[in-house]
Amino acid sequence: MGQTSRAQSPTYLKIVEKLQTLSESELKLAYTRLFQDDLNRQWQMLSEGSSLNQVAEEDIDAAFLKSRYPNKYA
């Protein structure tokens, strides 16, 4: 982290120190909790524009597997 011209508050410094000690999975969980409302709004916007209700569930599963594992489900 670079130096800033302003002094940082003790609370901010404690938060940064705590975040530096977290594992990757703990950071992901903290991020998810912190931005849960934003993530829910984004998911709602994405799902409202989709037409997945017009596609059979088997087709969705097959497309997912083919995309995720192209060598196995090509």
PDB file of N, CA and C in Angstrom:
ATOM      1  N   MET A   1       0.838  -1.185   0.000  1.00  0.00           N
ATOM      2  CA  MET A   1       0.000   0.000   0.000  1.00  0.00           C
ATOM      3  C   MET A   1       0.874   1.235   0.000  1.00  0.00           C
ATOM      4  N   GLY A   2       0.502   2.227  -0.768  1.00  0.00           N
ATOM      5  CA  GLY A   2       1.275   3.452  -0.834  1.00  0.00           C
ATOM      6  C   GLY A   2       0.902   4.413   0.271  1.00  0.00           C
ATOM      7  N   GLN A   3       1.781   5.326   0.515  1.00  0.00           N
ATOM      8  CA  GLN A   3       1.528   6.360   1.509  1.00  0.00           C
ATOM      9  C   GLN A   3       0.520   7.356   0.961  1.00  0.00           C
ATOM     10  N   THR A   4      -0.320   7.875   1.826  1.00  0.00           N
ATOM     11  CA  THR A   4      -1.254   8.917   1.439  1.00  0.00           C
ATOM     12  C   THR A   4      -0.885  10.173   2.184  1.00  0.00           C
ATOM     13  N   SER A   5      -1.344  11.299   1.683  1.00  0.00           N
ATOM     14  CA  SER A   5      -1.008  12.560   2.323  1.00  0.00           C
ATOM     15  C   SER A   5      -1.798  12.761   3.608  1.00  0.00           C
ATOM     16  N   ARG A   6      -2.904  12.053   3.751  1.00  0.00           N
ATOM     17  CA  ARG A   6      -3.705  12.163   4.975  1.00  0.00           C
ATOM     18  C   ARG A   6      -3.373  11.022   5.921  1.00  0.00           C
ATOM     19  N   ALA A   7      -3.462  11.296   7.195  1.00  0.00           N
ATOM     20  CA  ALA A   7      -3.276  10.242   8.187  1.00  0.00           C
ATOM     21  C   ALA A   7      -4.523   9.364   8.203  1.00  0.00           C
ATOM     22  N   GLN A   8      -4.325   8.050   8.275  1.00  0.00           N
ATOM     23  CA  GLN A   8      -5.446   7.120   8.286  1.00  0.00           C
ATOM     24  C   GLN A   8      -5.958   6.968   9.719  1.00  0.00           C
ATOM     25  N   SER A   9      -7.241   6.764   9.850  1.00  0.00           N
ATOM     26  CA  SER A   9      -7.833   6.593  11.177  1.00  0.00           C
ATOM     27  C   SER A   9      -7.407   5.251  11.757  1.00  0.00           C
ATOM     28  N   PRO A  10      -7.348   5.148  13.077  1.00  0.00           N
ATOM     29  CA  PRO A  10      -6.989   3.862  13.706  1.00  0.00           C
ATOM     30  C   PRO A  10      -7.953   2.745  13.320  1.00  0.00           C
ATOM     31  N   THR A  11      -9.225   3.054  13.159  1.00  0.00           N
ATOM     32  CA  THR A  11     -10.205   2.038  12.778  1.00  0.00           C
ATOM     33  C   THR A  11      -9.890   1.491  11.393  1.00  0.00           C
ATOM     34  N   TYR A  12      -9.580   2.379  10.456  1.00  0.00           N
ATOM     35  CA  TYR A  12      -9.236   1.968   9.094  1.00  0.00           C
ATOM     36  C   TYR A  12      -8.006   1.062   9.119  1.00  0.00           C
ATOM     37  N   LEU A  13      -7.003   1.445   9.876  1.00  0.00           N
ATOM     38  CA  LEU A  13      -5.776   0.654   9.954  1.00  0.00           C
ATOM     39  C   LEU A  13      -6.042  -0.722  10.558  1.00  0.00           C
ATOM     40  N   LYS A  14      -6.924  -0.805  11.559  1.00  0.00           N
ATOM     41  CA  LYS A  14      -7.272  -2.099  12.152  1.00  0.00           C
ATOM     42  C   LYS A  14      -7.967  -2.993  11.131  1.00  0.00           C
ATOM     43  N   ILE A  15      -8.844  -2.394  10.335  1.00  0.00           N
ATOM     44  CA  ILE A  15      -9.554  -3.164   9.303  1.00  0.00           C
ATOM     45  C   ILE A  15      -8.557  -3.707   8.290  1.00  0.00           C
ATOM     46  N   VAL A  16      -7.643  -2.866   7.829  1.00  0.00           N
ATOM     47  CA  VAL A  16      -6.642  -3.296   6.846  1.00  0.00           C
ATOM     48  C   VAL A  16      -5.766  -4.406   7.421  1.00  0.00           C
ATOM     49  N   GLU A  17      -5.323  -4.248   8.665  1.00  0.00           N
ATOM     50  CA  GLU A  17      -4.502  -5.275   9.305  1.00  0.00           C
ATOM     51  C   GLU A  17      -5.257  -6.603   9.397  1.00  0.00           C
ATOM     52  N   LYS A  18      -6.531  -6.550   9.750  1.00  0.00           N
ATOM     53  CA  LYS A  18      -7.344  -7.754   9.857  1.00  0.00           C
ATOM     54  C   LYS A  18      -7.502  -8.431   8.491  1.00  0.00           C
ATOM     55  N   LEU A  19      -7.751  -7.643   7.457  1.00  0.00           N
ATOM     56  CA  LEU A  19      -7.919  -8.200   6.121  1.00  0.00           C
ATOM     57  C   LEU A  19      -6.643  -8.871   5.629  1.00  0.00           C
ATOM     58  N   GLN A  20      -5.500  -8.349   6.015  1.00  0.00           N
ATOM     59  CA  GLN A  20      -4.229  -8.925   5.586  1.00  0.00           C
ATOM     60  C   GLN A  20      -3.977 -10.299   6.195  1.00  0.00           C
ATOM     61  N   THR A  21      -4.652 -10.607   7.288  1.00  0.00           N
ATOM     62  CA  THR A  21      -4.448 -11.903   7.938  1.00  0.00           C
ATOM     63  C   THR A  21      -5.431 -12.969   7.455  1.00  0.00           C
ATOM     64  N   LEU A  22      -6.426 -12.589   6.664  1.00  0.00           N
ATOM     65  CA  LEU A  22      -7.453 -13.538   6.232  1.00  0.00           C
ATOM     66  C   LEU A  22      -6.961 -14.377   5.055  1.00  0.00           C
ATOM     67  N   SER A  23      -7.444 -15.594   4.993  1.00  0.00           N
ATOM     68  CA  SER A  23      -7.160 -16.469   3.855  1.00  0.00           C
ATOM     69  C   SER A  23      -8.027 -16.039   2.676  1.00  0.00           C
ATOM     70  N   GLU A  24      -7.753 -16.618   1.528  1.00  0.00           N
ATOM     71  CA  GLU A  24      -8.524 -16.276   0.328  1.00  0.00           C
ATOM     72  C   GLU A  24     -10.003 -16.604   0.511  1.00  0.00           C
ATOM     73  N   SER A  25     -10.298 -17.756   1.086  1.00  0.00           N
ATOM     74  CA  SER A  25     -11.705 -18.135   1.271  1.00  0.00           C
ATOM     75  C   SER A  25     -12.390 -17.212   2.271  1.00  0.00           C
ATOM     76  N   GLU A  26     -11.673 -16.793   3.313  1.00  0.00           N
ATOM     77  CA  GLU A  26     -12.247 -15.859   4.277  1.00  0.00           C
ATOM     78  C   GLU A  26     -12.494 -14.494   3.643  1.00  0.00           C
ATOM     79  N   LEU A  27     -11.578 -14.070   2.763  1.00  0.00           N
ATOM     80  CA  LEU A  27     -11.769 -12.788   2.062  1.00  0.00           C
ATOM     81  C   LEU A  27     -12.979 -12.846   1.135  1.00  0.00           C
ATOM     82  N   LYS A  28     -13.145 -13.975   0.446  1.00  0.00           N
ATOM     83  CA  LYS A  28     -14.294 -14.125  -0.451  1.00  0.00           C
ATOM     84  C   LYS A  28     -15.601 -14.065   0.334  1.00  0.00           C
ATOM     85  N   LEU A  29     -15.636 -14.727   1.480  1.00  0.00           N
ATOM     86  CA  LEU A  29     -16.832 -14.708   2.317  1.00  0.00           C
ATOM     87  C   LEU A  29     -17.117 -13.299   2.827  1.00  0.00           C
ATOM     88  N   ALA A  30     -16.074 -12.585   3.266  1.00  0.00           N
ATOM     89  CA  ALA A  30     -16.245 -11.211   3.746  1.00  0.00           C
ATOM     90  C   ALA A  30     -16.756 -10.310   2.616  1.00  0.00           C
ATOM     91  N   TYR A  31     -16.207 -10.471   1.412  1.00  0.00           N
ATOM     92  CA  TYR A  31     -16.641  -9.690   0.258  1.00  0.00           C
ATOM     93  C   TYR A  31     -18.106  -9.969  -0.047  1.00  0.00           C
ATOM     94  N   THR A  32     -18.477 -11.243  -0.030  1.00  0.00           N
ATOM     95  CA  THR A  32     -19.858 -11.611  -0.320  1.00  0.00           C
ATOM     96  C   THR A  32     -20.811 -11.002   0.696  1.00  0.00           C
ATOM     97  N   ARG A  33     -20.437 -11.072   1.961  1.00  0.00           N
ATOM     98  CA  ARG A  33     -21.296 -10.494   3.001  1.00  0.00           C
ATOM     99  C   ARG A  33     -21.377  -8.975   2.877  1.00  0.00           C
ATOM    100  N   LEU A  34     -20.252  -8.343   2.592  1.00  0.00           N
ATOM    101  CA  LEU A  34     -20.208  -6.889   2.505  1.00  0.00           C
ATOM    102  C   LEU A  34     -21.033  -6.370   1.328  1.00  0.00           C
ATOM    103  N   PHE A  35     -20.968  -7.077   0.206  1.00  0.00           N
ATOM    104  CA  PHE A  35     -21.638  -6.607  -1.007  1.00  0.00           C
ATOM    105  C   PHE A  35     -22.850  -7.453  -1.374  1.00  0.00           C
ATOM    106  N   GLN A  36     -23.458  -8.118  -0.406  1.00  0.00           N
ATOM    107  CA  GLN A  36     -24.573  -9.022  -0.664  1.00  0.00           C
ATOM    108  C   GLN A  36     -25.735  -8.315  -1.370  1.00  0.00           C
ATOM    109  N   ASP A  37     -26.096  -7.127  -0.926  1.00  0.00           N
ATOM    110  CA  ASP A  37     -27.212  -6.411  -1.552  1.00  0.00           C
ATOM    111  C   ASP A  37     -26.899  -6.069  -3.006  1.00  0.00           C
ATOM    112  N   ASP A  38     -25.680  -5.614  -3.273  1.00  0.00           N
ATOM    113  CA  ASP A  38     -25.285  -5.299  -4.646  1.00  0.00           C
ATOM    114  C   ASP A  38     -25.296  -6.547  -5.523  1.00  0.00           C
ATOM    115  N   LEU A  39     -24.780  -7.657  -4.989  1.00  0.00           N
ATOM    116  CA  LEU A  39     -24.767  -8.902  -5.752  1.00  0.00           C
ATOM    117  C   LEU A  39     -26.184  -9.378  -6.050  1.00  0.00           C
ATOM    118  N   ASN A  40     -27.083  -9.263  -5.070  1.00  0.00           N
ATOM    119  CA  ASN A  40     -28.478  -9.667  -5.284  1.00  0.00           C
ATOM    120  C   ASN A  40     -29.146  -8.811  -6.351  1.00  0.00           C
ATOM    121  N   ARG A  41     -28.890  -7.510  -6.334  1.00  0.00           N
ATOM    122  CA  ARG A  41     -29.466  -6.623  -7.363  1.00  0.00           C
ATOM    123  C   ARG A  41     -28.929  -6.963  -8.750  1.00  0.00           C
ATOM    124  N   GLN A  42     -27.629  -7.213  -8.846  1.00  0.00           N
ATOM    125  CA  GLN A  42     -27.043  -7.568 -10.139  1.00  0.00           C
ATOM    126  C   GLN A  42     -27.612  -8.892 -10.652  1.00  0.00           C
ATOM    127  N   TRP A  43     -27.756  -9.868  -9.757  1.00  0.00           N
ATOM    128  CA  TRP A  43     -28.306 -11.159 -10.162  1.00  0.00           C
ATOM    129  C   TRP A  43     -29.747 -11.002 -10.634  1.00  0.00           C
ATOM    130  N   GLN A  44     -30.513 -10.177  -9.936  1.00  0.00           N
ATOM    131  CA  GLN A  44     -31.901  -9.952 -10.329  1.00  0.00           C
ATOM    132  C   GLN A  44     -31.965  -9.311 -11.713  1.00  0.00           C
ATOM    133  N   MET A  45     -31.110  -8.329 -11.968  1.00  0.00           N
ATOM    134  CA  MET A  45     -31.091  -7.681 -13.281  1.00  0.00           C
ATOM    135  C   MET A  45     -30.729  -8.679 -14.372  1.00  0.00           C
ATOM    136  N   LEU A  46     -29.744  -9.535 -14.104  1.00  0.00           N
ATOM    137  CA  LEU A  46     -29.337 -10.535 -15.092  1.00  0.00           C
ATOM    138  C   LEU A  46     -30.432 -11.560 -15.339  1.00  0.00           C
ATOM    139  N   SER A  47     -31.049 -12.029 -14.273  1.00  0.00           N
ATOM    140  CA  SER A  47     -32.054 -13.076 -14.434  1.00  0.00           C
ATOM    141  C   SER A  47     -33.353 -12.553 -15.039  1.00  0.00           C
ATOM    142  N   GLU A  48     -33.681 -11.279 -14.812  1.00  0.00           N
ATOM    143  CA  GLU A  48     -34.892 -10.717 -15.422  1.00  0.00           C
ATOM    144  C   GLU A  48     -34.773 -10.666 -16.936  1.00  0.00           C
ATOM    145  N   GLY A  49     -33.575 -10.434 -17.435  1.00  0.00           N
ATOM    146  CA  GLY A  49     -33.372 -10.330 -18.878  1.00  0.00           C
ATOM    147  C   GLY A  49     -33.182 -11.662 -19.565  1.00  0.00           C
ATOM    148  N   SER A  50     -33.129 -12.746 -18.814  1.00  0.00           N
ATOM    149  CA  SER A  50     -32.894 -14.046 -19.424  1.00  0.00           C
ATOM    150  C   SER A  50     -34.209 -14.706 -19.814  1.00  0.00           C
ATOM    151  N   SER A  51     -34.090 -15.673 -20.667  1.00  0.00           N
ATOM    152  CA  SER A  51     -35.276 -16.422 -21.070  1.00  0.00           C
ATOM    153  C   SER A  51     -35.098 -17.897 -20.735  1.00  0.00           C
ATOM    154  N   LEU A  52     -34.482 -18.160 -19.589  1.00  0.00           N
ATOM    155  CA  LEU A  52     -34.220 -19.547 -19.210  1.00  0.00           C
ATOM    156  C   LEU A  52     -35.496 -20.326 -18.923  1.00  0.00           C
ATOM    157  N   ASN A  53     -36.576 -19.630 -18.632  1.00  0.00           N
ATOM    158  CA  ASN A  53     -37.817 -20.351 -18.373  1.00  0.00           C
ATOM    159  C   ASN A  53     -38.385 -20.968 -19.643  1.00  0.00           C
ATOM    160  N   GLN A  54     -37.837 -20.628 -20.787  1.00  0.00           N
ATOM    161  CA  GLN A  54     -38.305 -21.186 -22.054  1.00  0.00           C
ATOM    162  C   GLN A  54     -37.429 -22.354 -22.527  1.00  0.00           C
ATOM    163  N   VAL A  55     -36.438 -22.718 -21.717  1.00  0.00           N
ATOM    164  CA  VAL A  55     -35.494 -23.771 -22.092  1.00  0.00           C
ATOM    165  C   VAL A  55     -35.637 -24.923 -21.107  1.00  0.00           C
ATOM    166  N   ALA A  56     -35.571 -26.126 -21.625  1.00  0.00           N
ATOM    167  CA  ALA A  56     -35.670 -27.309 -20.765  1.00  0.00           C
ATOM    168  C   ALA A  56     -34.469 -27.372 -19.825  1.00  0.00           C
ATOM    169  N   GLU A  57     -34.711 -27.835 -18.603  1.00  0.00           N
ATOM    170  CA  GLU A  57     -33.643 -27.909 -17.604  1.00  0.00           C
ATOM    171  C   GLU A  57     -32.501 -28.814 -18.071  1.00  0.00           C
ATOM    172  N   GLU A  58     -32.828 -29.858 -18.796  1.00  0.00           N
ATOM    173  CA  GLU A  58     -31.801 -30.762 -19.313  1.00  0.00           C
ATOM    174  C   GLU A  58     -30.881 -30.043 -20.294  1.00  0.00           C
ATOM    175  N   ASP A  59     -31.453 -29.157 -21.106  1.00  0.00           N
ATOM    176  CA  ASP A  59     -30.643 -28.389 -22.054  1.00  0.00           C
ATOM    177  C   ASP A  59     -29.710 -27.417 -21.338  1.00  0.00           C
ATOM    178  N   ILE A  60     -30.189 -26.824 -20.261  1.00  0.00           N
ATOM    179  CA  ILE A  60     -29.357 -25.918 -19.467  1.00  0.00           C
ATOM    180  C   ILE A  60     -28.203 -26.696 -18.846  1.00  0.00           C
ATOM    181  N   ASP A  61     -28.505 -27.859 -18.266  1.00  0.00           N
ATOM    182  CA  ASP A  61     -27.473 -28.698 -17.670  1.00  0.00           C
ATOM    183  C   ASP A  61     -26.430 -29.109 -18.709  1.00  0.00           C
ATOM    184  N   ALA A  62     -26.892 -29.528 -19.874  1.00  0.00           N
ATOM    185  CA  ALA A  62     -25.973 -29.961 -20.926  1.00  0.00           C
ATOM    186  C   ALA A  62     -25.084 -28.810 -21.391  1.00  0.00           C
ATOM    187  N   ALA A  63     -25.659 -27.631 -21.549  1.00  0.00           N
ATOM    188  CA  ALA A  63     -24.873 -26.468 -21.981  1.00  0.00           C
ATOM    189  C   ALA A  63     -23.844 -26.094 -20.923  1.00  0.00           C
ATOM    190  N   PHE A  64     -24.231 -26.157 -19.663  1.00  0.00           N
ATOM    191  CA  PHE A  64     -23.300 -25.847 -18.575  1.00  0.00           C
ATOM    192  C   PHE A  64     -22.130 -26.833 -18.577  1.00  0.00           C
ATOM    193  N   LEU A  65     -22.445 -28.116 -18.638  1.00  0.00           N
ATOM    194  CA  LEU A  65     -21.388 -29.123 -18.622  1.00  0.00           C
ATOM    195  C   LEU A  65     -20.464 -28.993 -19.822  1.00  0.00           C
ATOM    196  N   LYS A  66     -21.020 -28.719 -20.984  1.00  0.00           N
ATOM    197  CA  LYS A  66     -20.208 -28.563 -22.193  1.00  0.00           C
ATOM    198  C   LYS A  66     -19.298 -27.342 -22.072  1.00  0.00           C
ATOM    199  N   SER A  67     -19.815 -26.268 -21.492  1.00  0.00           N
ATOM    200  CA  SER A  67     -19.016 -25.061 -21.312  1.00  0.00           C
ATOM    201  C   SER A  67     -17.934 -25.265 -20.255  1.00  0.00           C
ATOM    202  N   ARG A  68     -18.289 -25.933 -19.186  1.00  0.00           N
ATOM    203  CA  ARG A  68     -17.362 -26.109 -18.062  1.00  0.00           C
ATOM    204  C   ARG A  68     -16.313 -27.175 -18.353  1.00  0.00           C
ATOM    205  N   TYR A  69     -16.727 -28.250 -19.027  1.00  0.00           N
ATOM    206  CA  TYR A  69     -15.831 -29.377 -19.299  1.00  0.00           C
ATOM    207  C   TYR A  69     -15.864 -29.701 -20.790  1.00  0.00           C
ATOM    208  N   PRO A  70     -15.281 -28.836 -21.626  1.00  0.00           N
ATOM    209  CA  PRO A  70     -15.401 -29.026 -23.089  1.00  0.00           C
ATOM    210  C   PRO A  70     -14.787 -30.326 -23.599  1.00  0.00           C
ATOM    211  N   ASN A  71     -13.738 -30.826 -22.978  1.00  0.00           N
ATOM    212  CA  ASN A  71     -13.107 -32.056 -23.466  1.00  0.00           C
ATOM    213  C   ASN A  71     -13.939 -33.298 -23.152  1.00  0.00           C
ATOM    214  N   LYS A  72     -14.705 -33.231 -22.084  1.00  0.00           N
ATOM    215  CA  LYS A  72     -15.494 -34.394 -21.675  1.00  0.00           C
ATOM    216  C   LYS A  72     -16.875 -34.423 -22.323  1.00  0.00           C
ATOM    217  N   TYR A  73     -17.480 -33.254 -22.534  1.00  0.00           N
ATOM    218  CA  TYR A  73     -18.866 -33.181 -23.032  1.00  0.00           C
ATOM    219  C   TYR A  73     -18.968 -32.518 -24.400  1.00  0.00           C
ATOM    220  N   ALA A  74     -17.921 -32.595 -25.189  1.00  0.00           N
ATOM    221  CA  ALA A  74     -17.939 -31.944 -26.518  1.00  0.00           C
ATOM    222  C   ALA A  74     -18.830 -32.654 -27.490  1.00  0.00           C
TER     223      ALA A  74
END
